[in-house]
């Protein structure tokens, strides 16, 4: 069985890999997140805790991967409307690694990338973390521990096999099998 904290770590780690930062992989994860959301709605608060809320970083990152017309989005739209919980470093990393393997579209405009670099440079001058890692704020996954308290010794949580949930989220993505084993 894959532990629940590991699920979150792998989801974020996967988005740090260029081959996983694509439109089609975003669609896979979005589908898995939709299944997980249904489970969270059907399960009781006792089992889910604030798990759905704690996945907001990965949900926004995936939402960014699958949104259409990225070159038309302004930095303000991205940071205020689409991905308000993601840092500029995280957005920069996703934006520069993104590739559309399905439709051949482009990532955000060069003006947006330049603005992100400027903001990161200003932040580094103010001694703010310059980490480009998507999971540079690991506290976003702290409450996911609620799942572990609800897991019985057979790896089931409210009748659902957690390894099935995690593998549904991850197994379809190319190059991820080794990461989850």
C-alpha atoms as a PDB file:
ATOM      1  CA  UNK A   1       0.000   0.000   0.000  1.00  0.00           C
ATOM      2  CA  UNK A   2       1.206   3.524  -0.806  1.00  0.00           C
ATOM      3  CA  UNK A   3       0.923   5.888   2.165  1.00  0.00           C
ATOM      4  CA  UNK A   4      -1.322   8.914   1.844  1.00  0.00           C
ATOM      5  CA  UNK A   5       1.437  11.460   2.538  1.00  0.00           C
ATOM      6  CA  UNK A   6       3.440   9.774  -0.178  1.00  0.00           C
ATOM      7  CA  UNK A   7       0.576  10.299  -2.614  1.00  0.00           C
ATOM      8  CA  UNK A   8       0.781  14.071  -2.182  1.00  0.00           C
ATOM      9  CA  UNK A   9       4.573  14.087  -2.324  1.00  0.00           C
ATOM     10  CA  UNK A  10       4.539  12.086  -5.545  1.00  0.00           C
ATOM     11  CA  UNK A  11       1.896  14.281  -7.153  1.00  0.00           C
ATOM     12  CA  UNK A  12       3.970  17.388  -6.473  1.00  0.00           C
ATOM     13  CA  UNK A  13       7.217  15.676  -7.422  1.00  0.00           C
ATOM     14  CA  UNK A  14       5.723  14.512 -10.681  1.00  0.00           C
ATOM     15  CA  UNK A  15       4.911  18.057 -11.683  1.00  0.00           C
ATOM     16  CA  UNK A  16       8.582  18.902 -11.203  1.00  0.00           C
ATOM     17  CA  UNK A  17       9.500  16.570 -14.042  1.00  0.00           C
ATOM     18  CA  UNK A  18       9.243  18.022 -17.527  1.00  0.00           C
ATOM     19  CA  UNK A  19       7.852  14.843 -19.056  1.00  0.00           C
ATOM     20  CA  UNK A  20       4.979  14.989 -16.552  1.00  0.00           C
ATOM     21  CA  UNK A  21       4.290  18.705 -16.905  1.00  0.00           C
ATOM     22  CA  UNK A  22       2.195  18.311 -20.033  1.00  0.00           C
ATOM     23  CA  UNK A  23      -1.372  18.917 -21.067  1.00  0.00           C
ATOM     24  CA  UNK A  24      -2.280  15.228 -21.287  1.00  0.00           C
ATOM     25  CA  UNK A  25      -0.719  14.399 -17.917  1.00  0.00           C
ATOM     26  CA  UNK A  26      -2.647  17.308 -16.443  1.00  0.00           C
ATOM     27  CA  UNK A  27      -5.805  15.726 -17.844  1.00  0.00           C
ATOM     28  CA  UNK A  28      -4.922  12.381 -16.212  1.00  0.00           C
ATOM     29  CA  UNK A  29      -4.355  13.939 -12.813  1.00  0.00           C
ATOM     30  CA  UNK A  30      -7.448  16.120 -13.159  1.00  0.00           C
ATOM     31  CA  UNK A  31      -9.516  12.975 -13.795  1.00  0.00           C
ATOM     32  CA  UNK A  32      -7.977  11.313 -10.739  1.00  0.00           C
ATOM     33  CA  UNK A  33      -8.635  14.382  -8.617  1.00  0.00           C
ATOM     34  CA  UNK A  34     -12.268  14.347  -9.750  1.00  0.00           C
ATOM     35  CA  UNK A  35     -12.563  10.742  -8.555  1.00  0.00           C
ATOM     36  CA  UNK A  36     -10.931  11.673  -5.270  1.00  0.00           C
ATOM     37  CA  UNK A  37     -13.306  14.614  -4.882  1.00  0.00           C
ATOM     38  CA  UNK A  38     -16.275  12.268  -5.313  1.00  0.00           C
ATOM     39  CA  UNK A  39     -14.822   9.993  -2.647  1.00  0.00           C
ATOM     40  CA  UNK A  40     -14.349  12.962  -0.312  1.00  0.00           C
ATOM     41  CA  UNK A  41     -17.965  13.998  -0.840  1.00  0.00           C
ATOM     42  CA  UNK A  42     -19.248  10.457  -0.209  1.00  0.00           C
ATOM     43  CA  UNK A  43     -16.987   9.755   2.775  1.00  0.00           C
ATOM     44  CA  UNK A  44     -17.518  11.409   6.125  1.00  0.00           C
ATOM     45  CA  UNK A  45     -15.443  14.260   7.535  1.00  0.00           C
ATOM     46  CA  UNK A  46     -14.022  11.739  10.007  1.00  0.00           C
ATOM     47  CA  UNK A  47     -12.287   9.964   7.136  1.00  0.00           C
ATOM     48  CA  UNK A  48     -11.448  12.822   4.844  1.00  0.00           C
ATOM     49  CA  UNK A  49     -10.678  15.642   7.250  1.00  0.00           C
ATOM     50  CA  UNK A  50      -9.587  18.595   5.190  1.00  0.00           C
ATOM     51  CA  UNK A  51      -7.911  16.455   2.530  1.00  0.00           C
ATOM     52  CA  UNK A  52      -9.650  18.114  -0.421  1.00  0.00           C
ATOM     53  CA  UNK A  53      -8.722  21.576   0.810  1.00  0.00           C
ATOM     54  CA  UNK A  54      -5.159  20.459   1.440  1.00  0.00           C
ATOM     55  CA  UNK A  55      -4.857  19.423  -2.198  1.00  0.00           C
ATOM     56  CA  UNK A  56      -5.510  22.964  -3.398  1.00  0.00           C
ATOM     57  CA  UNK A  57      -1.898  23.462  -4.529  1.00  0.00           C
ATOM     58  CA  UNK A  58      -1.900  20.414  -6.749  1.00  0.00           C
ATOM     59  CA  UNK A  59      -5.444  21.166  -7.953  1.00  0.00           C
ATOM     60  CA  UNK A  60      -4.421  24.658  -9.038  1.00  0.00           C
ATOM     61  CA  UNK A  61      -1.219  23.397 -10.670  1.00  0.00           C
ATOM     62  CA  UNK A  62      -3.172  20.803 -12.619  1.00  0.00           C
ATOM     63  CA  UNK A  63      -5.805  23.404 -13.496  1.00  0.00           C
ATOM     64  CA  UNK A  64      -3.039  25.546 -14.925  1.00  0.00           C
ATOM     65  CA  UNK A  65      -1.730  22.646 -17.023  1.00  0.00           C
ATOM     66  CA  UNK A  66      -5.104  22.022 -18.638  1.00  0.00           C
ATOM     67  CA  UNK A  67      -6.345  25.578 -19.108  1.00  0.00           C
ATOM     68  CA  UNK A  68      -6.589  26.704 -22.713  1.00  0.00           C
ATOM     69  CA  UNK A  69      -5.081  29.860 -24.232  1.00  0.00           C
ATOM     70  CA  UNK A  70      -2.235  30.236 -21.733  1.00  0.00           C
ATOM     71  CA  UNK A  71      -0.430  32.827 -23.927  1.00  0.00           C
ATOM     72  CA  UNK A  72      -3.427  35.149 -23.528  1.00  0.00           C
ATOM     73  CA  UNK A  73      -3.384  34.995 -19.730  1.00  0.00           C
ATOM     74  CA  UNK A  74      -1.821  37.915 -17.881  1.00  0.00           C
ATOM     75  CA  UNK A  75       0.315  37.413 -14.807  1.00  0.00           C
ATOM     76  CA  UNK A  76      -2.419  39.062 -12.779  1.00  0.00           C
ATOM     77  CA  UNK A  77      -5.037  36.590 -14.071  1.00  0.00           C
ATOM     78  CA  UNK A  78      -2.744  33.684 -13.300  1.00  0.00           C
ATOM     79  CA  UNK A  79      -1.755  34.792  -9.792  1.00  0.00           C
ATOM     80  CA  UNK A  80      -5.088  36.253  -8.671  1.00  0.00           C
ATOM     81  CA  UNK A  81      -7.705  34.067 -10.381  1.00  0.00           C
ATOM     82  CA  UNK A  82      -6.270  30.779 -11.636  1.00  0.00           C
ATOM     83  CA  UNK A  83      -3.575  29.927  -9.108  1.00  0.00           C
ATOM     84  CA  UNK A  84      -3.748  32.243  -6.086  1.00  0.00           C
ATOM     85  CA  UNK A  85      -2.144  29.761  -3.673  1.00  0.00           C
ATOM     86  CA  UNK A  86       0.879  28.992  -5.855  1.00  0.00           C
ATOM     87  CA  UNK A  87       4.029  31.050  -5.445  1.00  0.00           C
ATOM     88  CA  UNK A  88       5.685  32.866  -8.325  1.00  0.00           C
ATOM     89  CA  UNK A  89       8.508  30.309  -8.154  1.00  0.00           C
ATOM     90  CA  UNK A  90       6.030  27.471  -8.511  1.00  0.00           C
ATOM     91  CA  UNK A  91       4.218  29.163 -11.391  1.00  0.00           C
ATOM     92  CA  UNK A  92       7.502  29.918 -13.122  1.00  0.00           C
ATOM     93  CA  UNK A  93       8.594  26.307 -12.831  1.00  0.00           C
ATOM     94  CA  UNK A  94       5.318  24.974 -14.231  1.00  0.00           C
ATOM     95  CA  UNK A  95       5.189  27.623 -16.967  1.00  0.00           C
ATOM     96  CA  UNK A  96       8.708  26.958 -18.206  1.00  0.00           C
ATOM     97  CA  UNK A  97       8.411  23.170 -18.088  1.00  0.00           C
ATOM     98  CA  UNK A  98       4.918  22.987 -19.597  1.00  0.00           C
ATOM     99  CA  UNK A  99       4.482  21.407 -23.016  1.00  0.00           C
ATOM    100  CA  UNK A 100       1.331  20.579 -24.892  1.00  0.00           C
ATOM    101  CA  UNK A 101       1.669  17.071 -26.236  1.00  0.00           C
ATOM    102  CA  UNK A 102      -1.950  16.987 -27.387  1.00  0.00           C
ATOM    103  CA  UNK A 103      -2.690  20.219 -29.266  1.00  0.00           C
ATOM    104  CA  UNK A 104       0.748  21.804 -29.664  1.00  0.00           C
ATOM    105  CA  UNK A 105      -0.177  25.050 -27.944  1.00  0.00           C
ATOM    106  CA  UNK A 106       2.296  27.198 -26.041  1.00  0.00           C
ATOM    107  CA  UNK A 107       2.746  28.116 -22.425  1.00  0.00           C
ATOM    108  CA  UNK A 108       2.357  31.653 -21.108  1.00  0.00           C
ATOM    109  CA  UNK A 109       3.729  34.616 -23.041  1.00  0.00           C
ATOM    110  CA  UNK A 110       7.358  35.700 -22.826  1.00  0.00           C
ATOM    111  CA  UNK A 111       6.176  38.914 -21.128  1.00  0.00           C
ATOM    112  CA  UNK A 112       4.632  36.856 -18.320  1.00  0.00           C
ATOM    113  CA  UNK A 113       7.822  34.778 -17.960  1.00  0.00           C
ATOM    114  CA  UNK A 114       9.906  37.965 -17.822  1.00  0.00           C
ATOM    115  CA  UNK A 115       7.602  39.417 -15.162  1.00  0.00           C
ATOM    116  CA  UNK A 116       7.886  36.217 -13.134  1.00  0.00           C
ATOM    117  CA  UNK A 117      11.692  36.356 -13.322  1.00  0.00           C
ATOM    118  CA  UNK A 118      11.647  39.981 -12.217  1.00  0.00           C
ATOM    119  CA  UNK A 119       9.409  39.178  -9.273  1.00  0.00           C
ATOM    120  CA  UNK A 120      11.597  36.228  -8.254  1.00  0.00           C
ATOM    121  CA  UNK A 121      14.677  38.414  -8.496  1.00  0.00           C
ATOM    122  CA  UNK A 122      13.043  41.048  -6.310  1.00  0.00           C
ATOM    123  CA  UNK A 123      12.003  38.362  -3.840  1.00  0.00           C
ATOM    124  CA  UNK A 124      15.534  36.992  -3.663  1.00  0.00           C
ATOM    125  CA  UNK A 125      16.812  40.506  -2.920  1.00  0.00           C
ATOM    126  CA  UNK A 126      14.363  40.586  -0.017  1.00  0.00           C
ATOM    127  CA  UNK A 127      15.719  37.250   1.317  1.00  0.00           C
ATOM    128  CA  UNK A 128      12.577  35.305   0.355  1.00  0.00           C
ATOM    129  CA  UNK A 129      13.100  31.679  -0.619  1.00  0.00           C
ATOM    130  CA  UNK A 130      14.214  31.215  -4.219  1.00  0.00           C
ATOM    131  CA  UNK A 131      13.238  27.573  -4.280  1.00  0.00           C
ATOM    132  CA  UNK A 132      11.657  26.612  -7.593  1.00  0.00           C
ATOM    133  CA  UNK A 133      10.220  23.421  -6.197  1.00  0.00           C
ATOM    134  CA  UNK A 134       6.511  22.984  -6.442  1.00  0.00           C
ATOM    135  CA  UNK A 135       6.443  21.619  -2.930  1.00  0.00           C
ATOM    136  CA  UNK A 136       8.627  24.321  -1.346  1.00  0.00           C
ATOM    137  CA  UNK A 137       5.824  24.817   1.165  1.00  0.00           C
ATOM    138  CA  UNK A 138       5.330  21.296   2.448  1.00  0.00           C
ATOM    139  CA  UNK A 139       2.833  22.556   5.028  1.00  0.00           C
ATOM    140  CA  UNK A 140       0.207  22.444   2.298  1.00  0.00           C
ATOM    141  CA  UNK A 141       0.020  18.703   2.892  1.00  0.00           C
ATOM    142  CA  UNK A 142       0.054  18.635   6.679  1.00  0.00           C
ATOM    143  CA  UNK A 143      -3.639  17.955   7.167  1.00  0.00           C
ATOM    144  CA  UNK A 144      -3.601  15.052   4.726  1.00  0.00           C
ATOM    145  CA  UNK A 145      -2.641  12.979   7.765  1.00  0.00           C
ATOM    146  CA  UNK A 146      -6.376  12.713   8.541  1.00  0.00           C
ATOM    147  CA  UNK A 147      -6.484   9.900   5.985  1.00  0.00           C
ATOM    148  CA  UNK A 148      -3.920   7.858   7.902  1.00  0.00           C
ATOM    149  CA  UNK A 149      -5.986   7.866  11.080  1.00  0.00           C
ATOM    150  CA  UNK A 150      -8.900   6.363   9.158  1.00  0.00           C
ATOM    151  CA  UNK A 151      -6.977   3.565   7.450  1.00  0.00           C
ATOM    152  CA  UNK A 152      -7.595   0.089   8.770  1.00  0.00           C
ATOM    153  CA  UNK A 153      -5.012  -2.711   8.725  1.00  0.00           C
ATOM    154  CA  UNK A 154      -6.202  -3.904   5.298  1.00  0.00           C
ATOM    155  CA  UNK A 155      -5.431  -0.561   3.649  1.00  0.00           C
ATOM    156  CA  UNK A 156      -9.074   0.435   3.444  1.00  0.00           C
ATOM    157  CA  UNK A 157     -10.607   3.755   4.319  1.00  0.00           C
ATOM    158  CA  UNK A 158     -14.402   3.814   4.504  1.00  0.00           C
ATOM    159  CA  UNK A 159     -14.495   0.774   2.233  1.00  0.00           C
ATOM    160  CA  UNK A 160     -12.226   2.231  -0.453  1.00  0.00           C
ATOM    161  CA  UNK A 161      -8.802   0.761  -1.028  1.00  0.00           C
ATOM    162  CA  UNK A 162      -6.362   3.668  -0.710  1.00  0.00           C
ATOM    163  CA  UNK A 163      -3.809   2.071  -2.980  1.00  0.00           C
ATOM    164  CA  UNK A 164      -6.488   1.986  -5.699  1.00  0.00           C
ATOM    165  CA  UNK A 165      -7.184   5.681  -5.184  1.00  0.00           C
ATOM    166  CA  UNK A 166      -3.507   6.608  -5.317  1.00  0.00           C
ATOM    167  CA  UNK A 167      -2.718   4.388  -8.261  1.00  0.00           C
ATOM    168  CA  UNK A 168      -5.676   5.805 -10.158  1.00  0.00           C
ATOM    169  CA  UNK A 169      -4.172   9.247  -9.686  1.00  0.00           C
ATOM    170  CA  UNK A 170      -0.684   8.245 -10.714  1.00  0.00           C
ATOM    171  CA  UNK A 171      -0.425   5.018 -12.683  1.00  0.00           C
ATOM    172  CA  UNK A 172      -1.673   6.324 -16.013  1.00  0.00           C
ATOM    173  CA  UNK A 173       1.032   8.968 -16.225  1.00  0.00           C
ATOM    174  CA  UNK A 174       4.021   7.946 -18.379  1.00  0.00           C
ATOM    175  CA  UNK A 175       7.239   7.500 -16.450  1.00  0.00           C
ATOM    176  CA  UNK A 176       5.595   7.415 -13.034  1.00  0.00           C
ATOM    177  CA  UNK A 177       5.402   3.705 -12.355  1.00  0.00           C
ATOM    178  CA  UNK A 178       8.937   3.607 -10.934  1.00  0.00           C
ATOM    179  CA  UNK A 179       8.208   6.621  -8.727  1.00  0.00           C
ATOM    180  CA  UNK A 180       5.236   4.991  -6.991  1.00  0.00           C
ATOM    181  CA  UNK A 181       6.700   1.526  -6.498  1.00  0.00           C
END
